[in-house]
């Protein structure tokens, strides 16, 4: 089983010009195949958000229908031609519907698909594809720039087949993939050293133990409040991360592992404090206020808040206005 986390936010530059968010993400699980895709619409193309939306959905349909065929095909050029021709055919129909040139639908495209122990990656244009192997975050595919400075390659570009990358392989110790647009690169990718930020690894690891809906909301808040302030461009990311089968929920962890999750790996945690943390987490499976928590554990609010602060810092609970909710999976 694999989890997907996705997020796309409108950039500051596009907010000023009232341009729609041109970054699109999509995830599909079909025929025992997991597929995710991300597309960054060309800023100079007014209808590119429609093109980006189409190619993300279409490529996921293609790979979940014919994964085995594409994985077995040894002729890389043939795979590229088939995929691009399929996407172009669809984009031409959309162009006719909107009465525009197909170049107005231009976008990049990043894809990851997984079936059993096999994976396929596709990369057209800029953006970065990362992966989590063992406990390290690595780069599978770097950005592909165009012929001129500050340009990139799009699905509709004339030279798309020459720069398009297709990577196939066995998963082995790979436990997740991350696709990000060039707007997100600013925060998560060091162009000089060609390294991904530790924050991305943390996000991917959190997806193995946190409720997906909670993590997705927190990711969106982080992108709205922090990530998009580092660029004027739209920012998007989508993750495909394998579940941690050894993790059956916080309640079923041994004491030592609970201490590690609570941030007390090098400090003594009394039995009473441990019980209170557990009480709070189980109580907040259903969203509630600080006042309600303090009544539940029979502790004054100012002391209860100290427990809440620890849980917030460790990403075990989340806050929405004055409401708190447990984010970690308690029992599977």
C-alpha atoms as a PDB file:
ATOM      1  CA  UNK A   1       0.000   0.000   0.000  1.00  0.00           C
ATOM      2  CA  UNK A   2       1.270   3.466  -0.938  1.00  0.00           C
ATOM      3  CA  UNK A   3       0.142   6.884   0.304  1.00  0.00           C
ATOM      4  CA  UNK A   4      -0.129   9.995  -1.843  1.00  0.00           C
ATOM      5  CA  UNK A   5       0.248  13.573  -0.599  1.00  0.00           C
ATOM      6  CA  UNK A   6      -0.320  16.414  -3.051  1.00  0.00           C
ATOM      7  CA  UNK A   7      -0.375  20.179  -2.955  1.00  0.00           C
ATOM      8  CA  UNK A   8      -0.444  23.013  -5.515  1.00  0.00           C
ATOM      9  CA  UNK A   9      -0.666  26.721  -4.632  1.00  0.00           C
ATOM     10  CA  UNK A  10      -0.939  29.860  -6.739  1.00  0.00           C
ATOM     11  CA  UNK A  11       2.277  31.884  -6.821  1.00  0.00           C
ATOM     12  CA  UNK A  12       2.551  35.505  -5.700  1.00  0.00           C
ATOM     13  CA  UNK A  13       3.254  36.620  -9.244  1.00  0.00           C
ATOM     14  CA  UNK A  14       0.116  34.932 -10.541  1.00  0.00           C
ATOM     15  CA  UNK A  15      -1.986  36.379  -7.736  1.00  0.00           C
ATOM     16  CA  UNK A  16      -0.919  39.888  -8.814  1.00  0.00           C
ATOM     17  CA  UNK A  17      -1.760  39.245 -12.469  1.00  0.00           C
ATOM     18  CA  UNK A  18      -4.892  37.244 -11.625  1.00  0.00           C
ATOM     19  CA  UNK A  19      -3.477  34.256 -13.497  1.00  0.00           C
ATOM     20  CA  UNK A  20      -4.842  30.841 -12.409  1.00  0.00           C
ATOM     21  CA  UNK A  21      -2.496  28.375 -10.734  1.00  0.00           C
ATOM     22  CA  UNK A  22      -0.787  26.656 -13.674  1.00  0.00           C
ATOM     23  CA  UNK A  23       0.702  23.817 -11.587  1.00  0.00           C
ATOM     24  CA  UNK A  24      -1.423  20.657 -11.523  1.00  0.00           C
ATOM     25  CA  UNK A  25      -1.043  17.335  -9.691  1.00  0.00           C
ATOM     26  CA  UNK A  26      -2.924  14.056 -10.011  1.00  0.00           C
ATOM     27  CA  UNK A  27      -2.858  10.599  -8.431  1.00  0.00           C
ATOM     28  CA  UNK A  28      -4.532   7.373  -9.544  1.00  0.00           C
ATOM     29  CA  UNK A  29      -4.693   3.837  -8.165  1.00  0.00           C
ATOM     30  CA  UNK A  30      -6.012   1.310 -10.678  1.00  0.00           C
ATOM     31  CA  UNK A  31      -5.231  -2.278 -11.661  1.00  0.00           C
ATOM     32  CA  UNK A  32      -2.942  -2.604  -8.596  1.00  0.00           C
ATOM     33  CA  UNK A  33      -0.823   0.246  -9.977  1.00  0.00           C
ATOM     34  CA  UNK A  34      -0.115   3.554  -8.250  1.00  0.00           C
ATOM     35  CA  UNK A  35       0.593   6.537 -10.508  1.00  0.00           C
ATOM     36  CA  UNK A  36       1.270  10.181  -9.677  1.00  0.00           C
ATOM     37  CA  UNK A  37       1.932  13.112 -12.007  1.00  0.00           C
ATOM     38  CA  UNK A  38       2.778  16.804 -11.812  1.00  0.00           C
ATOM     39  CA  UNK A  39       2.728  19.380 -14.591  1.00  0.00           C
ATOM     40  CA  UNK A  40       3.833  23.015 -14.568  1.00  0.00           C
ATOM     41  CA  UNK A  41       2.017  25.042 -17.194  1.00  0.00           C
ATOM     42  CA  UNK A  42       4.109  27.453 -19.254  1.00  0.00           C
ATOM     43  CA  UNK A  43       3.866  30.958 -17.791  1.00  0.00           C
ATOM     44  CA  UNK A  44       3.739  32.482 -21.260  1.00  0.00           C
ATOM     45  CA  UNK A  45       0.828  30.265 -22.333  1.00  0.00           C
ATOM     46  CA  UNK A  46      -2.562  31.584 -21.228  1.00  0.00           C
ATOM     47  CA  UNK A  47      -4.341  28.216 -21.385  1.00  0.00           C
ATOM     48  CA  UNK A  48      -1.500  26.131 -19.965  1.00  0.00           C
ATOM     49  CA  UNK A  49      -3.420  25.199 -16.810  1.00  0.00           C
ATOM     50  CA  UNK A  50      -5.854  23.262 -19.019  1.00  0.00           C
ATOM     51  CA  UNK A  51      -2.984  21.483 -20.726  1.00  0.00           C
ATOM     52  CA  UNK A  52      -1.300  20.698 -17.407  1.00  0.00           C
ATOM     53  CA  UNK A  53      -4.518  19.278 -15.989  1.00  0.00           C
ATOM     54  CA  UNK A  54      -5.032  17.075 -19.043  1.00  0.00           C
ATOM     55  CA  UNK A  55      -1.530  15.594 -19.269  1.00  0.00           C
ATOM     56  CA  UNK A  56      -1.395  14.687 -15.566  1.00  0.00           C
ATOM     57  CA  UNK A  57      -4.661  12.775 -15.760  1.00  0.00           C
ATOM     58  CA  UNK A  58      -3.974  11.182 -19.127  1.00  0.00           C
ATOM     59  CA  UNK A  59      -0.484   9.892 -18.292  1.00  0.00           C
ATOM     60  CA  UNK A  60      -1.792   8.285 -15.089  1.00  0.00           C
ATOM     61  CA  UNK A  61      -4.554   6.572 -17.089  1.00  0.00           C
ATOM     62  CA  UNK A  62      -2.007   5.379 -19.665  1.00  0.00           C
ATOM     63  CA  UNK A  63       0.388   3.923 -17.106  1.00  0.00           C
ATOM     64  CA  UNK A  64      -2.274   2.235 -14.987  1.00  0.00           C
ATOM     65  CA  UNK A  65      -3.729   0.636 -18.141  1.00  0.00           C
ATOM     66  CA  UNK A  66      -0.481  -0.452 -19.810  1.00  0.00           C
ATOM     67  CA  UNK A  67       2.253  -0.465 -17.143  1.00  0.00           C
ATOM     68  CA  UNK A  68       3.517  -3.958 -18.038  1.00  0.00           C
ATOM     69  CA  UNK A  69       3.810  -3.118 -21.731  1.00  0.00           C
ATOM     70  CA  UNK A  70       5.812   0.054 -21.090  1.00  0.00           C
ATOM     71  CA  UNK A  71       8.013  -1.646 -18.517  1.00  0.00           C
ATOM     72  CA  UNK A  72       8.805  -4.594 -20.823  1.00  0.00           C
ATOM     73  CA  UNK A  73       9.475  -2.446 -23.917  1.00  0.00           C
ATOM     74  CA  UNK A  74      13.251  -2.146 -24.384  1.00  0.00           C
ATOM     75  CA  UNK A  75      13.140   0.461 -27.144  1.00  0.00           C
ATOM     76  CA  UNK A  76      13.193   3.749 -25.188  1.00  0.00           C
ATOM     77  CA  UNK A  77      12.580   5.822 -28.312  1.00  0.00           C
ATOM     78  CA  UNK A  78       9.453   3.835 -29.122  1.00  0.00           C
ATOM     79  CA  UNK A  79       8.078   4.401 -25.603  1.00  0.00           C
ATOM     80  CA  UNK A  80       8.733   8.132 -25.825  1.00  0.00           C
ATOM     81  CA  UNK A  81       7.054   8.441 -29.220  1.00  0.00           C
ATOM     82  CA  UNK A  82       3.981   6.496 -28.107  1.00  0.00           C
ATOM     83  CA  UNK A  83       3.529   8.514 -24.919  1.00  0.00           C
ATOM     84  CA  UNK A  84       4.118  11.911 -26.524  1.00  0.00           C
ATOM     85  CA  UNK A  85       1.892  11.128 -29.522  1.00  0.00           C
ATOM     86  CA  UNK A  86      -0.909  10.062 -27.183  1.00  0.00           C
ATOM     87  CA  UNK A  87      -0.620  13.282 -25.165  1.00  0.00           C
ATOM     88  CA  UNK A  88      -0.374  15.492 -28.253  1.00  0.00           C
ATOM     89  CA  UNK A  89      -3.491  13.886 -29.770  1.00  0.00           C
ATOM     90  CA  UNK A  90      -5.458  14.764 -26.656  1.00  0.00           C
ATOM     91  CA  UNK A  91      -4.021  18.280 -26.438  1.00  0.00           C
ATOM     92  CA  UNK A  92      -4.958  18.953 -30.068  1.00  0.00           C
ATOM     93  CA  UNK A  93      -8.581  18.108 -29.297  1.00  0.00           C
ATOM     94  CA  UNK A  94      -8.522  20.435 -26.291  1.00  0.00           C
ATOM     95  CA  UNK A  95      -6.977  23.176 -28.437  1.00  0.00           C
ATOM     96  CA  UNK A  96      -9.833  22.828 -30.914  1.00  0.00           C
ATOM     97  CA  UNK A  97     -12.403  22.998 -28.097  1.00  0.00           C
ATOM     98  CA  UNK A  98     -10.877  26.201 -26.709  1.00  0.00           C
ATOM     99  CA  UNK A  99     -10.078  27.686 -30.116  1.00  0.00           C
ATOM    100  CA  UNK A 100      -6.378  28.110 -29.343  1.00  0.00           C
ATOM    101  CA  UNK A 101      -3.007  26.963 -30.637  1.00  0.00           C
ATOM    102  CA  UNK A 102      -1.684  23.794 -29.025  1.00  0.00           C
ATOM    103  CA  UNK A 103       1.338  25.778 -27.778  1.00  0.00           C
ATOM    104  CA  UNK A 104      -1.053  27.660 -25.472  1.00  0.00           C
ATOM    105  CA  UNK A 105      -1.487  24.345 -23.601  1.00  0.00           C
ATOM    106  CA  UNK A 106       2.248  23.829 -23.003  1.00  0.00           C
ATOM    107  CA  UNK A 107       3.445  22.302 -19.742  1.00  0.00           C
ATOM    108  CA  UNK A 108       6.215  20.220 -18.239  1.00  0.00           C
ATOM    109  CA  UNK A 109       5.450  16.696 -16.992  1.00  0.00           C
ATOM    110  CA  UNK A 110       6.852  14.576 -14.154  1.00  0.00           C
ATOM    111  CA  UNK A 111       5.519  11.075 -13.460  1.00  0.00           C
ATOM    112  CA  UNK A 112       6.102   8.126 -11.125  1.00  0.00           C
ATOM    113  CA  UNK A 113       4.262   4.803 -11.343  1.00  0.00           C
ATOM    114  CA  UNK A 114       4.675   1.689  -9.210  1.00  0.00           C
ATOM    115  CA  UNK A 115       3.502  -1.884  -9.624  1.00  0.00           C
ATOM    116  CA  UNK A 116       4.667  -4.652  -7.290  1.00  0.00           C
ATOM    117  CA  UNK A 117       8.469  -4.279  -7.145  1.00  0.00           C
ATOM    118  CA  UNK A 118       8.796  -2.211 -10.327  1.00  0.00           C
ATOM    119  CA  UNK A 119       8.683   1.504 -11.100  1.00  0.00           C
ATOM    120  CA  UNK A 120       8.600   3.835 -14.113  1.00  0.00           C
ATOM    121  CA  UNK A 121       9.596   7.507 -14.015  1.00  0.00           C
ATOM    122  CA  UNK A 122       8.997  10.052 -16.784  1.00  0.00           C
ATOM    123  CA  UNK A 123      10.426  13.578 -16.862  1.00  0.00           C
ATOM    124  CA  UNK A 124       9.821  16.327 -19.416  1.00  0.00           C
ATOM    125  CA  UNK A 125      11.206  19.793 -18.678  1.00  0.00           C
ATOM    126  CA  UNK A 126      12.198  21.395 -15.378  1.00  0.00           C
ATOM    127  CA  UNK A 127      11.215  20.344 -11.884  1.00  0.00           C
ATOM    128  CA  UNK A 128      12.845  17.579  -9.856  1.00  0.00           C
ATOM    129  CA  UNK A 129      12.113  13.911  -9.175  1.00  0.00           C
ATOM    130  CA  UNK A 130      13.440  12.684  -5.837  1.00  0.00           C
ATOM    131  CA  UNK A 131      13.230   9.331  -4.096  1.00  0.00           C
ATOM    132  CA  UNK A 132      13.575   7.910  -0.603  1.00  0.00           C
ATOM    133  CA  UNK A 133      15.970   4.963  -0.444  1.00  0.00           C
ATOM    134  CA  UNK A 134      16.546   3.332   2.931  1.00  0.00           C
ATOM    135  CA  UNK A 135      16.808   6.475   5.067  1.00  0.00           C
ATOM    136  CA  UNK A 136      18.269   8.830   2.450  1.00  0.00           C
ATOM    137  CA  UNK A 137      16.640  11.284   0.069  1.00  0.00           C
ATOM    138  CA  UNK A 138      18.213  11.220  -3.400  1.00  0.00           C
ATOM    139  CA  UNK A 139      17.621  12.679  -6.864  1.00  0.00           C
ATOM    140  CA  UNK A 140      16.402  10.469  -9.691  1.00  0.00           C
ATOM    141  CA  UNK A 141      16.095  13.218 -12.302  1.00  0.00           C
ATOM    142  CA  UNK A 142      17.360  16.814 -12.406  1.00  0.00           C
ATOM    143  CA  UNK A 143      15.668  19.722 -14.251  1.00  0.00           C
ATOM    144  CA  UNK A 144      15.917  19.761 -18.057  1.00  0.00           C
ATOM    145  CA  UNK A 145      16.401  23.268 -19.453  1.00  0.00           C
ATOM    146  CA  UNK A 146      15.714  24.475 -22.951  1.00  0.00           C
ATOM    147  CA  UNK A 147      18.052  25.866 -25.564  1.00  0.00           C
ATOM    148  CA  UNK A 148      18.120  29.358 -24.050  1.00  0.00           C
ATOM    149  CA  UNK A 149      18.642  30.725 -20.533  1.00  0.00           C
ATOM    150  CA  UNK A 150      15.587  30.521 -18.261  1.00  0.00           C
ATOM    151  CA  UNK A 151      13.696  28.303 -20.701  1.00  0.00           C
ATOM    152  CA  UNK A 152      12.589  24.712 -20.384  1.00  0.00           C
ATOM    153  CA  UNK A 153      11.132  21.897 -22.475  1.00  0.00           C
ATOM    154  CA  UNK A 154       7.396  21.224 -22.666  1.00  0.00           C
ATOM    155  CA  UNK A 155       5.247  18.311 -23.788  1.00  0.00           C
ATOM    156  CA  UNK A 156       4.434  20.382 -26.900  1.00  0.00           C
ATOM    157  CA  UNK A 157       8.076  21.364 -27.650  1.00  0.00           C
ATOM    158  CA  UNK A 158       9.597  20.370 -30.969  1.00  0.00           C
ATOM    159  CA  UNK A 159      12.587  18.727 -29.282  1.00  0.00           C
ATOM    160  CA  UNK A 160      10.633  16.961 -26.518  1.00  0.00           C
ATOM    161  CA  UNK A 161      11.700  13.457 -27.634  1.00  0.00           C
ATOM    162  CA  UNK A 162      15.399  14.380 -27.411  1.00  0.00           C
ATOM    163  CA  UNK A 163      15.253  15.614 -23.834  1.00  0.00           C
ATOM    164  CA  UNK A 164      12.455  13.456 -22.382  1.00  0.00           C
ATOM    165  CA  UNK A 165      13.690  10.995 -19.756  1.00  0.00           C
ATOM    166  CA  UNK A 166      12.246   7.567 -18.968  1.00  0.00           C
ATOM    167  CA  UNK A 167      13.704   5.619 -16.051  1.00  0.00           C
ATOM    168  CA  UNK A 168      12.660   2.058 -15.194  1.00  0.00           C
ATOM    169  CA  UNK A 169      13.844  -0.271 -12.471  1.00  0.00           C
ATOM    170  CA  UNK A 170      13.213  -2.467  -9.433  1.00  0.00           C
ATOM    171  CA  UNK A 171      12.255  -0.776  -6.181  1.00  0.00           C
ATOM    172  CA  UNK A 172      14.630  -2.668  -3.892  1.00  0.00           C
ATOM    173  CA  UNK A 173      15.017  -0.383  -0.870  1.00  0.00           C
ATOM    174  CA  UNK A 174      13.197   2.561  -2.476  1.00  0.00           C
ATOM    175  CA  UNK A 175      10.220   3.553  -0.315  1.00  0.00           C
ATOM    176  CA  UNK A 176       8.949   6.691  -1.993  1.00  0.00           C
ATOM    177  CA  UNK A 177       9.039   9.213  -4.834  1.00  0.00           C
ATOM    178  CA  UNK A 178       8.625  13.007  -4.813  1.00  0.00           C
ATOM    179  CA  UNK A 179       7.752  15.191  -7.815  1.00  0.00           C
ATOM    180  CA  UNK A 180       8.100  18.954  -7.543  1.00  0.00           C
ATOM    181  CA  UNK A 181       7.730  21.951  -9.845  1.00  0.00           C
ATOM    182  CA  UNK A 182      10.457  24.561 -10.343  1.00  0.00           C
ATOM    183  CA  UNK A 183       8.642  26.908  -7.929  1.00  0.00           C
ATOM    184  CA  UNK A 184       9.028  24.329  -5.169  1.00  0.00           C
ATOM    185  CA  UNK A 185      12.648  23.707  -6.186  1.00  0.00           C
ATOM    186  CA  UNK A 186      13.528  27.061  -4.625  1.00  0.00           C
ATOM    187  CA  UNK A 187      12.820  25.656  -1.168  1.00  0.00           C
ATOM    188  CA  UNK A 188      13.661  21.968  -1.531  1.00  0.00           C
ATOM    189  CA  UNK A 189      16.450  21.771  -4.134  1.00  0.00           C
ATOM    190  CA  UNK A 190      19.971  23.189  -3.952  1.00  0.00           C
ATOM    191  CA  UNK A 191      20.900  23.870  -7.592  1.00  0.00           C
ATOM    192  CA  UNK A 192      24.553  24.502  -6.807  1.00  0.00           C
ATOM    193  CA  UNK A 193      25.164  21.264  -4.920  1.00  0.00           C
ATOM    194  CA  UNK A 194      22.335  19.369  -6.652  1.00  0.00           C
ATOM    195  CA  UNK A 195      20.950  18.128  -3.350  1.00  0.00           C
ATOM    196  CA  UNK A 196      17.464  17.907  -1.881  1.00  0.00           C
ATOM    197  CA  UNK A 197      16.647  19.550   1.460  1.00  0.00           C
ATOM    198  CA  UNK A 198      16.300  17.401   4.607  1.00  0.00           C
ATOM    199  CA  UNK A 199      12.793  18.879   5.015  1.00  0.00           C
ATOM    200  CA  UNK A 200      11.643  16.786   2.058  1.00  0.00           C
ATOM    201  CA  UNK A 201      12.870  13.608   3.717  1.00  0.00           C
ATOM    202  CA  UNK A 202      11.009  14.603   6.888  1.00  0.00           C
ATOM    203  CA  UNK A 203       7.824  15.156   4.894  1.00  0.00           C
ATOM    204  CA  UNK A 204       8.124  11.758   3.220  1.00  0.00           C
ATOM    205  CA  UNK A 205       8.821   9.994   6.518  1.00  0.00           C
ATOM    206  CA  UNK A 206       5.861  11.735   8.152  1.00  0.00           C
ATOM    207  CA  UNK A 207       3.592  10.367   5.430  1.00  0.00           C
ATOM    208  CA  UNK A 208       4.342   6.877   6.744  1.00  0.00           C
ATOM    209  CA  UNK A 209       2.991   7.563  10.228  1.00  0.00           C
ATOM    210  CA  UNK A 210       0.573  10.495   9.908  1.00  0.00           C
ATOM    211  CA  UNK A 211      -3.026  10.482   8.776  1.00  0.00           C
ATOM    212  CA  UNK A 212      -2.871  11.449   5.097  1.00  0.00           C
ATOM    213  CA  UNK A 213      -5.657  14.047   5.331  1.00  0.00           C
ATOM    214  CA  UNK A 214      -3.909  15.800   8.250  1.00  0.00           C
ATOM    215  CA  UNK A 215      -0.520  15.817   6.557  1.00  0.00           C
ATOM    216  CA  UNK A 216      -1.999  17.104   3.319  1.00  0.00           C
ATOM    217  CA  UNK A 217      -3.680  20.010   5.147  1.00  0.00           C
ATOM    218  CA  UNK A 218      -0.465  20.836   7.008  1.00  0.00           C
ATOM    219  CA  UNK A 219       1.531  20.681   3.778  1.00  0.00           C
ATOM    220  CA  UNK A 220      -0.901  23.073   2.126  1.00  0.00           C
ATOM    221  CA  UNK A 221      -0.580  25.499   5.060  1.00  0.00           C
ATOM    222  CA  UNK A 222       3.198  25.298   4.876  1.00  0.00           C
ATOM    223  CA  UNK A 223       3.161  26.025   1.149  1.00  0.00           C
ATOM    224  CA  UNK A 224       0.736  28.935   1.545  1.00  0.00           C
ATOM    225  CA  UNK A 225       2.571  30.512   4.487  1.00  0.00           C
ATOM    226  CA  UNK A 226       6.223  29.685   3.809  1.00  0.00           C
ATOM    227  CA  UNK A 227       7.160  27.940   0.557  1.00  0.00           C
ATOM    228  CA  UNK A 228       5.442  30.318  -1.856  1.00  0.00           C
ATOM    229  CA  UNK A 229       7.126  33.318  -0.189  1.00  0.00           C
ATOM    230  CA  UNK A 230      10.487  32.088  -1.527  1.00  0.00           C
ATOM    231  CA  UNK A 231       9.422  32.556  -5.158  1.00  0.00           C
ATOM    232  CA  UNK A 232       6.881  34.376  -7.328  1.00  0.00           C
ATOM    233  CA  UNK A 233       6.037  31.162  -9.203  1.00  0.00           C
ATOM    234  CA  UNK A 234       3.316  28.609  -8.521  1.00  0.00           C
ATOM    235  CA  UNK A 235       4.480  25.855  -6.155  1.00  0.00           C
ATOM    236  CA  UNK A 236       3.456  22.207  -6.249  1.00  0.00           C
ATOM    237  CA  UNK A 237       4.548  18.827  -4.966  1.00  0.00           C
ATOM    238  CA  UNK A 238       3.181  15.291  -4.998  1.00  0.00           C
ATOM    239  CA  UNK A 239       4.514  12.321  -3.045  1.00  0.00           C
ATOM    240  CA  UNK A 240       4.056   8.580  -3.432  1.00  0.00           C
ATOM    241  CA  UNK A 241       5.342   6.860  -0.296  1.00  0.00           C
ATOM    242  CA  UNK A 242       5.124   3.228   0.746  1.00  0.00           C
ATOM    243  CA  UNK A 243       3.431   2.557   4.060  1.00  0.00           C
ATOM    244  CA  UNK A 244       5.707   1.589   6.929  1.00  0.00           C
ATOM    245  CA  UNK A 245       4.454  -1.941   7.559  1.00  0.00           C
ATOM    246  CA  UNK A 246       6.308  -2.119  10.869  1.00  0.00           C
ATOM    247  CA  UNK A 247       4.262   0.820  12.198  1.00  0.00           C
ATOM    248  CA  UNK A 248       0.879  -0.346  13.510  1.00  0.00           C
ATOM    249  CA  UNK A 249      -0.002   2.876  15.284  1.00  0.00           C
ATOM    250  CA  UNK A 250       1.220   4.912  18.254  1.00  0.00           C
ATOM    251  CA  UNK A 251      -0.819   2.917  20.792  1.00  0.00           C
ATOM    252  CA  UNK A 252       0.925  -0.329  19.827  1.00  0.00           C
ATOM    253  CA  UNK A 253       4.486   1.000  20.002  1.00  0.00           C
ATOM    254  CA  UNK A 254       6.876  -0.122  22.745  1.00  0.00           C
ATOM    255  CA  UNK A 255       7.636   2.533  25.373  1.00  0.00           C
ATOM    256  CA  UNK A 256      11.072   3.344  23.942  1.00  0.00           C
ATOM    257  CA  UNK A 257       9.691   4.061  20.464  1.00  0.00           C
ATOM    258  CA  UNK A 258       6.966   6.261  21.951  1.00  0.00           C
ATOM    259  CA  UNK A 259       9.669   8.265  23.742  1.00  0.00           C
ATOM    260  CA  UNK A 260      11.523   8.734  20.443  1.00  0.00           C
ATOM    261  CA  UNK A 261       8.364   9.971  18.718  1.00  0.00           C
ATOM    262  CA  UNK A 262       7.738  12.370  21.594  1.00  0.00           C
ATOM    263  CA  UNK A 263      11.267  13.747  21.315  1.00  0.00           C
ATOM    264  CA  UNK A 264      12.507  12.237  24.574  1.00  0.00           C
ATOM    265  CA  UNK A 265      15.000   9.739  23.140  1.00  0.00           C
ATOM    266  CA  UNK A 266      17.798  11.080  25.360  1.00  0.00           C
ATOM    267  CA  UNK A 267      15.736  12.036  28.407  1.00  0.00           C
ATOM    268  CA  UNK A 268      13.790  10.212  31.065  1.00  0.00           C
ATOM    269  CA  UNK A 269      10.036  10.373  30.688  1.00  0.00           C
ATOM    270  CA  UNK A 270       8.006   9.419  33.756  1.00  0.00           C
ATOM    271  CA  UNK A 271       5.228   6.865  33.502  1.00  0.00           C
ATOM    272  CA  UNK A 272       2.685   9.531  34.446  1.00  0.00           C
ATOM    273  CA  UNK A 273       3.824  11.953  31.720  1.00  0.00           C
ATOM    274  CA  UNK A 274       3.846   9.145  29.161  1.00  0.00           C
ATOM    275  CA  UNK A 275       0.264   8.250  30.115  1.00  0.00           C
ATOM    276  CA  UNK A 276      -0.832  11.871  29.769  1.00  0.00           C
ATOM    277  CA  UNK A 277       0.639  12.156  26.282  1.00  0.00           C
ATOM    278  CA  UNK A 278      -1.250   9.001  25.341  1.00  0.00           C
ATOM    279  CA  UNK A 279      -4.486  10.289  26.856  1.00  0.00           C
ATOM    280  CA  UNK A 280      -4.240  13.543  24.912  1.00  0.00           C
ATOM    281  CA  UNK A 281      -3.470  11.822  21.620  1.00  0.00           C
ATOM    282  CA  UNK A 282      -6.355   9.371  21.987  1.00  0.00           C
ATOM    283  CA  UNK A 283      -8.754  12.109  23.086  1.00  0.00           C
ATOM    284  CA  UNK A 284      -7.816  14.344  20.156  1.00  0.00           C
ATOM    285  CA  UNK A 285      -8.569  11.705  17.545  1.00  0.00           C
ATOM    286  CA  UNK A 286     -11.733  13.784  17.444  1.00  0.00           C
ATOM    287  CA  UNK A 287     -10.924  17.538  17.162  1.00  0.00           C
ATOM    288  CA  UNK A 288     -11.249  19.484  20.395  1.00  0.00           C
ATOM    289  CA  UNK A 289     -10.193  22.589  22.335  1.00  0.00           C
ATOM    290  CA  UNK A 290      -7.453  23.128  24.912  1.00  0.00           C
ATOM    291  CA  UNK A 291     -10.138  23.613  27.557  1.00  0.00           C
ATOM    292  CA  UNK A 292     -11.662  20.214  26.779  1.00  0.00           C
ATOM    293  CA  UNK A 293      -8.247  18.534  26.878  1.00  0.00           C
ATOM    294  CA  UNK A 294      -7.411  20.075  30.258  1.00  0.00           C
ATOM    295  CA  UNK A 295     -10.701  18.817  31.681  1.00  0.00           C
ATOM    296  CA  UNK A 296     -10.090  15.365  30.232  1.00  0.00           C
ATOM    297  CA  UNK A 297      -6.684  14.950  31.898  1.00  0.00           C
ATOM    298  CA  UNK A 298      -7.575  16.919  35.064  1.00  0.00           C
ATOM    299  CA  UNK A 299      -4.800  19.463  34.593  1.00  0.00           C
ATOM    300  CA  UNK A 300      -4.814  23.267  34.472  1.00  0.00           C
ATOM    301  CA  UNK A 301      -4.739  24.779  30.994  1.00  0.00           C
ATOM    302  CA  UNK A 302      -1.275  26.326  31.375  1.00  0.00           C
ATOM    303  CA  UNK A 303       0.211  22.916  32.250  1.00  0.00           C
ATOM    304  CA  UNK A 304      -1.836  21.117  29.612  1.00  0.00           C
ATOM    305  CA  UNK A 305      -0.453  23.576  27.049  1.00  0.00           C
ATOM    306  CA  UNK A 306       3.074  22.322  27.763  1.00  0.00           C
ATOM    307  CA  UNK A 307       2.012  18.843  26.658  1.00  0.00           C
ATOM    308  CA  UNK A 308       0.243  20.297  23.623  1.00  0.00           C
ATOM    309  CA  UNK A 309       3.372  22.252  22.634  1.00  0.00           C
ATOM    310  CA  UNK A 310       5.477  19.075  22.668  1.00  0.00           C
ATOM    311  CA  UNK A 311       2.958  17.228  20.513  1.00  0.00           C
ATOM    312  CA  UNK A 312       2.758  20.123  18.052  1.00  0.00           C
ATOM    313  CA  UNK A 313       6.541  20.322  17.805  1.00  0.00           C
ATOM    314  CA  UNK A 314       6.763  16.604  17.051  1.00  0.00           C
ATOM    315  CA  UNK A 315       3.971  16.809  14.422  1.00  0.00           C
ATOM    316  CA  UNK A 316       1.833  14.388  16.429  1.00  0.00           C
ATOM    317  CA  UNK A 317      -1.072  16.823  16.566  1.00  0.00           C
ATOM    318  CA  UNK A 318      -2.128  19.742  14.370  1.00  0.00           C
ATOM    319  CA  UNK A 319      -3.877  22.999  15.160  1.00  0.00           C
ATOM    320  CA  UNK A 320      -6.601  24.757  13.192  1.00  0.00           C
ATOM    321  CA  UNK A 321      -7.469  28.077  14.847  1.00  0.00           C
ATOM    322  CA  UNK A 322      -8.282  27.025  18.440  1.00  0.00           C
ATOM    323  CA  UNK A 323      -8.983  23.382  17.616  1.00  0.00           C
ATOM    324  CA  UNK A 324      -6.428  20.582  18.028  1.00  0.00           C
ATOM    325  CA  UNK A 325      -6.457  17.160  16.396  1.00  0.00           C
ATOM    326  CA  UNK A 326      -4.247  14.086  16.501  1.00  0.00           C
ATOM    327  CA  UNK A 327      -2.276  13.692  13.281  1.00  0.00           C
ATOM    328  CA  UNK A 328      -0.392  10.468  13.973  1.00  0.00           C
ATOM    329  CA  UNK A 329      -2.063   7.116  13.220  1.00  0.00           C
ATOM    330  CA  UNK A 330      -3.075   5.686  16.597  1.00  0.00           C
ATOM    331  CA  UNK A 331      -3.989   2.140  15.512  1.00  0.00           C
ATOM    332  CA  UNK A 332      -4.182   0.434  12.145  1.00  0.00           C
END
